[in-house]
């Protein structure tokens, strides 16, 4: 048995528990590799979520477009990026949401960190 991961304030580590919890959500987000599936989702989000058996917290987070809630519901950032892409969001949009910053503030923080 492996030791539990150390707690990191403000983060949700993606471990085995989260992977099991988020299986349906991540499977759905993986399906967005297909343009046909992205269109099917946009046409009827509720039916698409039911097709994958999302839990109510997962479905609520999808409806809210809330990345932090999706991560808490077992979402993996790499698969969630596929979901965000449907709406024209990129990893900087996701990072900004995770940190509570605007996208421009988040970009400035990244630039500052690169020059240290």
N, C-alpha and C. Protein backbone atom coordinates (compact mmCIF):
# COMPACT_ATOMS: atom_id res chain seq x y z
N UNK A 1 0.85 -1.18 0.00
CA UNK A 1 0.00 0.00 0.00
C UNK A 1 0.89 1.24 0.00
N UNK A 2 0.48 2.23 -0.79
CA UNK A 2 1.28 3.45 -0.86
C UNK A 2 0.84 4.44 0.21
N UNK A 3 1.77 5.30 0.56
CA UNK A 3 1.46 6.33 1.56
C UNK A 3 0.54 7.37 0.95
N UNK A 4 -0.34 7.96 1.75
CA UNK A 4 -1.21 9.01 1.21
C UNK A 4 -0.39 10.20 0.73
N UNK A 5 -0.91 10.88 -0.28
CA UNK A 5 -0.23 12.06 -0.79
C UNK A 5 -0.29 13.18 0.24
N UNK A 6 0.77 13.98 0.32
CA UNK A 6 0.73 15.11 1.26
C UNK A 6 -0.33 16.12 0.82
N UNK A 7 -0.92 16.79 1.78
CA UNK A 7 -1.91 17.82 1.50
C UNK A 7 -1.22 19.07 0.96
N UNK A 8 -1.75 19.60 -0.14
CA UNK A 8 -1.25 20.84 -0.71
C UNK A 8 -2.43 21.81 -0.70
N UNK A 9 -2.37 22.85 0.13
CA UNK A 9 -3.50 23.76 0.24
C UNK A 9 -3.97 24.28 -1.12
N UNK A 10 -5.27 24.22 -1.34
CA UNK A 10 -5.86 24.74 -2.56
C UNK A 10 -5.78 23.82 -3.77
N UNK A 11 -5.33 22.58 -3.56
CA UNK A 11 -5.23 21.65 -4.69
C UNK A 11 -5.98 20.36 -4.40
N UNK A 12 -6.34 19.69 -5.47
CA UNK A 12 -6.95 18.38 -5.38
C UNK A 12 -6.06 17.44 -6.18
N UNK A 13 -5.21 16.65 -5.53
CA UNK A 13 -4.34 15.74 -6.27
C UNK A 13 -5.16 14.72 -7.05
N UNK A 14 -4.73 14.42 -8.27
CA UNK A 14 -5.41 13.41 -9.07
C UNK A 14 -4.76 12.07 -8.74
N UNK A 15 -5.41 11.34 -7.84
CA UNK A 15 -4.90 10.04 -7.40
C UNK A 15 -5.90 8.96 -7.81
N UNK A 16 -5.71 7.76 -7.30
CA UNK A 16 -6.59 6.65 -7.63
C UNK A 16 -8.04 6.90 -7.23
N UNK A 17 -8.25 7.52 -6.09
CA UNK A 17 -9.61 7.82 -5.63
C UNK A 17 -10.28 8.79 -6.60
N UNK A 18 -9.55 9.85 -6.97
CA UNK A 18 -10.11 10.84 -7.90
C UNK A 18 -10.34 10.22 -9.28
N UNK A 19 -9.44 9.34 -9.69
CA UNK A 19 -9.58 8.70 -11.00
C UNK A 19 -10.86 7.87 -11.05
N UNK A 20 -11.13 7.12 -9.99
CA UNK A 20 -12.36 6.33 -9.94
C UNK A 20 -13.59 7.24 -9.89
N UNK A 21 -13.51 8.26 -9.08
CA UNK A 21 -14.62 9.19 -8.91
C UNK A 21 -14.94 9.89 -10.24
N UNK A 22 -13.92 10.22 -11.00
CA UNK A 22 -14.10 11.00 -12.22
C UNK A 22 -14.15 10.20 -13.51
N UNK A 23 -14.23 8.87 -13.40
CA UNK A 23 -14.14 8.04 -14.61
C UNK A 23 -15.15 8.46 -15.68
N UNK A 24 -16.42 8.59 -15.32
CA UNK A 24 -17.45 8.94 -16.31
C UNK A 24 -17.20 10.33 -16.90
N UNK A 25 -16.84 11.28 -16.05
CA UNK A 25 -16.57 12.64 -16.50
C UNK A 25 -15.39 12.67 -17.47
N UNK A 26 -14.31 12.00 -17.11
CA UNK A 26 -13.12 12.00 -17.95
C UNK A 26 -13.36 11.24 -19.25
N UNK A 27 -14.15 10.17 -19.18
CA UNK A 27 -14.49 9.43 -20.39
C UNK A 27 -15.30 10.33 -21.34
N UNK A 28 -16.24 11.08 -20.78
CA UNK A 28 -17.02 11.99 -21.61
C UNK A 28 -16.12 13.06 -22.24
N UNK A 29 -15.25 13.65 -21.43
CA UNK A 29 -14.36 14.69 -21.96
C UNK A 29 -13.42 14.14 -23.02
N UNK A 30 -12.97 12.90 -22.85
CA UNK A 30 -12.11 12.27 -23.86
C UNK A 30 -12.86 12.13 -25.18
N UNK A 31 -14.17 11.90 -25.10
CA UNK A 31 -14.96 11.75 -26.32
C UNK A 31 -14.94 13.01 -27.18
N UNK A 32 -14.59 14.14 -26.59
CA UNK A 32 -14.58 15.39 -27.32
C UNK A 32 -13.40 15.49 -28.30
N UNK A 33 -12.59 14.44 -28.39
CA UNK A 33 -11.58 14.39 -29.44
C UNK A 33 -12.26 14.38 -30.81
N UNK A 34 -13.50 13.91 -30.84
CA UNK A 34 -14.26 13.80 -32.08
C UNK A 34 -15.13 15.05 -32.28
N UNK A 35 -15.01 15.67 -33.43
CA UNK A 35 -15.84 16.84 -33.75
C UNK A 35 -17.32 16.48 -33.70
N UNK A 36 -17.65 15.29 -34.13
CA UNK A 36 -19.05 14.83 -34.10
C UNK A 36 -19.57 14.80 -32.66
N UNK A 37 -18.75 14.33 -31.73
CA UNK A 37 -19.16 14.29 -30.32
C UNK A 37 -19.27 15.69 -29.72
N UNK A 38 -18.37 16.59 -30.10
CA UNK A 38 -18.46 17.97 -29.61
C UNK A 38 -19.78 18.60 -30.07
N UNK A 39 -20.14 18.35 -31.30
CA UNK A 39 -21.40 18.89 -31.82
C UNK A 39 -22.60 18.26 -31.11
N UNK A 40 -22.53 16.96 -30.85
CA UNK A 40 -23.63 16.28 -30.14
C UNK A 40 -23.79 16.86 -28.74
N UNK A 41 -22.68 17.14 -28.07
CA UNK A 41 -22.74 17.74 -26.74
C UNK A 41 -23.39 19.11 -26.81
N UNK A 42 -22.94 19.94 -27.74
CA UNK A 42 -23.49 21.30 -27.85
C UNK A 42 -24.98 21.27 -28.21
N UNK A 43 -25.41 20.27 -28.96
CA UNK A 43 -26.81 20.18 -29.36
C UNK A 43 -27.73 19.83 -28.20
N UNK A 44 -27.24 18.99 -27.26
CA UNK A 44 -28.07 18.59 -26.12
C UNK A 44 -27.15 18.14 -24.98
N UNK A 45 -26.68 19.10 -24.22
CA UNK A 45 -25.73 18.82 -23.14
C UNK A 45 -26.29 17.83 -22.13
N UNK A 46 -27.53 17.99 -21.75
CA UNK A 46 -28.12 17.12 -20.73
C UNK A 46 -28.16 15.67 -21.20
N UNK A 47 -28.60 15.44 -22.42
CA UNK A 47 -28.65 14.07 -22.95
C UNK A 47 -27.24 13.49 -23.06
N UNK A 48 -26.30 14.31 -23.45
CA UNK A 48 -24.92 13.83 -23.60
C UNK A 48 -24.35 13.44 -22.23
N UNK A 49 -24.63 14.23 -21.21
CA UNK A 49 -24.14 13.89 -19.87
C UNK A 49 -24.80 12.61 -19.36
N UNK A 50 -26.10 12.44 -19.63
CA UNK A 50 -26.79 11.21 -19.22
C UNK A 50 -26.19 9.99 -19.92
N UNK A 51 -25.84 10.15 -21.17
CA UNK A 51 -25.23 9.04 -21.95
C UNK A 51 -23.99 8.50 -21.25
N UNK A 52 -23.24 9.38 -20.59
CA UNK A 52 -22.01 8.98 -19.91
C UNK A 52 -22.20 8.71 -18.43
N UNK A 53 -23.41 8.92 -17.92
CA UNK A 53 -23.70 8.60 -16.52
C UNK A 53 -23.02 9.51 -15.51
N UNK A 54 -22.92 10.81 -15.82
CA UNK A 54 -22.30 11.73 -14.87
C UNK A 54 -23.11 11.81 -13.59
N UNK A 55 -22.42 11.99 -12.49
CA UNK A 55 -23.09 12.22 -11.21
C UNK A 55 -23.68 13.64 -11.23
N UNK A 56 -24.57 13.92 -10.30
CA UNK A 56 -25.16 15.26 -10.27
C UNK A 56 -24.10 16.34 -10.00
N UNK A 57 -23.14 16.13 -9.06
CA UNK A 57 -22.11 17.16 -8.89
C UNK A 57 -21.28 17.39 -10.17
N UNK A 58 -21.01 16.32 -10.91
CA UNK A 58 -20.27 16.47 -12.16
C UNK A 58 -21.10 17.25 -13.18
N UNK A 59 -22.38 16.88 -13.31
CA UNK A 59 -23.26 17.56 -14.26
C UNK A 59 -23.42 19.03 -13.88
N UNK A 60 -23.56 19.32 -12.59
CA UNK A 60 -23.70 20.71 -12.14
C UNK A 60 -22.44 21.52 -12.47
N UNK A 61 -21.28 20.91 -12.30
CA UNK A 61 -20.03 21.60 -12.61
C UNK A 61 -19.90 21.84 -14.11
N UNK A 62 -20.35 20.89 -14.93
CA UNK A 62 -20.36 21.07 -16.39
C UNK A 62 -21.27 22.24 -16.74
N UNK A 63 -22.46 22.24 -16.17
CA UNK A 63 -23.42 23.33 -16.45
C UNK A 63 -22.84 24.69 -16.07
N UNK A 64 -22.11 24.74 -14.95
CA UNK A 64 -21.54 25.99 -14.45
C UNK A 64 -20.24 26.36 -15.16
N UNK A 65 -19.67 25.41 -15.93
CA UNK A 65 -18.38 25.61 -16.60
C UNK A 65 -17.31 25.95 -15.56
N UNK A 66 -17.40 25.28 -14.40
CA UNK A 66 -16.51 25.59 -13.29
C UNK A 66 -15.42 24.52 -13.17
N UNK A 67 -14.23 24.89 -13.57
CA UNK A 67 -13.11 23.95 -13.60
C UNK A 67 -12.77 23.43 -12.22
N UNK A 68 -12.78 24.29 -11.21
CA UNK A 68 -12.45 23.83 -9.85
C UNK A 68 -13.45 22.77 -9.37
N UNK A 69 -14.73 22.98 -9.66
CA UNK A 69 -15.74 21.98 -9.29
C UNK A 69 -15.53 20.69 -10.08
N UNK A 70 -15.14 20.81 -11.34
CA UNK A 70 -14.89 19.63 -12.17
C UNK A 70 -13.71 18.83 -11.62
N UNK A 71 -12.67 19.52 -11.20
CA UNK A 71 -11.51 18.84 -10.61
C UNK A 71 -11.92 18.16 -9.31
N UNK A 72 -12.69 18.84 -8.48
CA UNK A 72 -13.17 18.25 -7.23
C UNK A 72 -14.05 17.03 -7.49
N UNK A 73 -14.73 17.03 -8.65
CA UNK A 73 -15.62 15.92 -9.01
C UNK A 73 -14.87 14.79 -9.71
N UNK A 74 -13.53 14.86 -9.72
CA UNK A 74 -12.72 13.79 -10.28
C UNK A 74 -12.17 14.06 -11.66
N UNK A 75 -12.36 15.27 -12.15
CA UNK A 75 -11.87 15.60 -13.47
C UNK A 75 -10.36 15.71 -13.52
N UNK A 76 -9.80 15.23 -14.62
CA UNK A 76 -8.37 15.34 -14.88
C UNK A 76 -8.15 16.54 -15.78
N UNK A 77 -7.19 17.38 -15.45
CA UNK A 77 -6.97 18.63 -16.19
C UNK A 77 -6.79 18.40 -17.68
N UNK A 78 -6.14 17.33 -18.07
CA UNK A 78 -5.90 17.08 -19.49
C UNK A 78 -7.20 16.79 -20.23
N UNK A 79 -8.08 16.04 -19.61
CA UNK A 79 -9.38 15.77 -20.24
C UNK A 79 -10.29 16.99 -20.16
N UNK A 80 -10.22 17.73 -19.08
CA UNK A 80 -11.04 18.93 -18.95
C UNK A 80 -10.68 19.97 -19.99
N UNK A 81 -9.43 19.98 -20.43
CA UNK A 81 -9.02 20.91 -21.48
C UNK A 81 -9.80 20.65 -22.76
N UNK A 82 -10.15 19.40 -23.01
CA UNK A 82 -10.95 19.06 -24.19
C UNK A 82 -12.35 19.65 -24.06
N UNK A 83 -12.90 19.60 -22.86
CA UNK A 83 -14.21 20.22 -22.60
C UNK A 83 -14.11 21.73 -22.79
N UNK A 84 -13.11 22.34 -22.20
CA UNK A 84 -12.95 23.79 -22.28
C UNK A 84 -12.77 24.25 -23.72
N UNK A 85 -12.11 23.44 -24.53
CA UNK A 85 -11.89 23.79 -25.92
C UNK A 85 -13.17 23.96 -26.72
N UNK A 86 -14.22 23.28 -26.32
CA UNK A 86 -15.50 23.42 -27.01
C UNK A 86 -15.97 24.88 -26.96
N UNK A 87 -15.63 25.56 -25.89
CA UNK A 87 -16.08 26.93 -25.68
C UNK A 87 -14.98 27.95 -25.99
N UNK A 88 -13.92 27.50 -26.65
CA UNK A 88 -12.84 28.41 -27.04
C UNK A 88 -11.93 28.80 -25.89
N UNK A 89 -11.94 28.02 -24.81
CA UNK A 89 -11.08 28.32 -23.67
C UNK A 89 -9.78 27.54 -23.80
N UNK A 90 -8.68 28.14 -23.34
CA UNK A 90 -7.40 27.44 -23.37
C UNK A 90 -6.89 27.24 -21.94
N UNK A 91 -5.69 26.69 -21.82
CA UNK A 91 -5.15 26.39 -20.49
C UNK A 91 -4.92 27.65 -19.66
N UNK A 92 -4.69 28.77 -20.30
CA UNK A 92 -4.55 30.02 -19.53
C UNK A 92 -5.89 30.45 -18.95
N UNK A 93 -6.98 30.21 -19.67
CA UNK A 93 -8.31 30.49 -19.12
C UNK A 93 -8.55 29.61 -17.89
N UNK A 94 -8.18 28.34 -18.01
CA UNK A 94 -8.37 27.40 -16.90
C UNK A 94 -7.49 27.81 -15.72
N UNK A 95 -6.23 28.14 -15.98
CA UNK A 95 -5.33 28.57 -14.91
C UNK A 95 -5.84 29.82 -14.21
N UNK A 96 -6.38 30.75 -14.98
CA UNK A 96 -6.92 31.98 -14.40
C UNK A 96 -8.09 31.64 -13.49
N UNK A 97 -8.97 30.75 -13.94
CA UNK A 97 -10.12 30.37 -13.12
C UNK A 97 -9.66 29.68 -11.84
N UNK A 98 -8.65 28.83 -11.95
CA UNK A 98 -8.17 28.10 -10.78
C UNK A 98 -7.55 29.03 -9.75
N UNK A 99 -6.95 30.12 -10.19
CA UNK A 99 -6.28 31.03 -9.27
C UNK A 99 -7.13 32.22 -8.87
N UNK A 100 -8.32 32.35 -9.46
CA UNK A 100 -9.19 33.47 -9.15
C UNK A 100 -8.74 34.77 -9.77
N UNK A 101 -7.93 34.68 -10.82
CA UNK A 101 -7.42 35.87 -11.51
C UNK A 101 -8.13 36.03 -12.84
N UNK A 102 -7.98 37.21 -13.42
CA UNK A 102 -8.41 37.39 -14.80
C UNK A 102 -7.36 36.70 -15.67
N UNK A 103 -7.70 36.47 -16.93
CA UNK A 103 -6.73 35.83 -17.82
C UNK A 103 -5.49 36.71 -17.98
N UNK A 104 -5.69 38.03 -18.09
CA UNK A 104 -4.54 38.94 -18.23
C UNK A 104 -3.65 38.92 -16.98
N UNK A 105 -4.26 38.90 -15.81
CA UNK A 105 -3.47 38.81 -14.56
C UNK A 105 -2.68 37.51 -14.52
N UNK A 106 -3.33 36.42 -14.95
CA UNK A 106 -2.65 35.13 -14.96
C UNK A 106 -1.49 35.13 -15.94
N UNK A 107 -1.69 35.70 -17.12
CA UNK A 107 -0.60 35.80 -18.10
C UNK A 107 0.57 36.61 -17.54
N UNK A 108 0.25 37.72 -16.87
CA UNK A 108 1.30 38.56 -16.29
C UNK A 108 2.08 37.78 -15.24
N UNK A 109 1.38 36.98 -14.45
CA UNK A 109 2.05 36.17 -13.43
C UNK A 109 2.97 35.15 -14.10
N UNK A 110 2.53 34.53 -15.19
CA UNK A 110 3.37 33.57 -15.90
C UNK A 110 4.61 34.26 -16.48
N UNK A 111 4.40 35.42 -17.06
CA UNK A 111 5.55 36.17 -17.64
C UNK A 111 6.56 36.54 -16.56
N UNK A 112 6.05 37.00 -15.42
CA UNK A 112 6.94 37.40 -14.32
C UNK A 112 7.73 36.20 -13.80
N UNK A 113 7.06 35.06 -13.70
CA UNK A 113 7.74 33.84 -13.22
C UNK A 113 8.82 33.39 -14.20
N UNK A 114 8.58 33.59 -15.48
CA UNK A 114 9.56 33.18 -16.50
C UNK A 114 10.80 34.05 -16.47
N UNK A 115 10.69 35.25 -15.94
CA UNK A 115 11.82 36.18 -15.92
C UNK A 115 12.54 36.23 -14.58
N UNK A 116 12.24 35.30 -13.71
CA UNK A 116 12.90 35.29 -12.40
C UNK A 116 14.14 34.45 -12.44
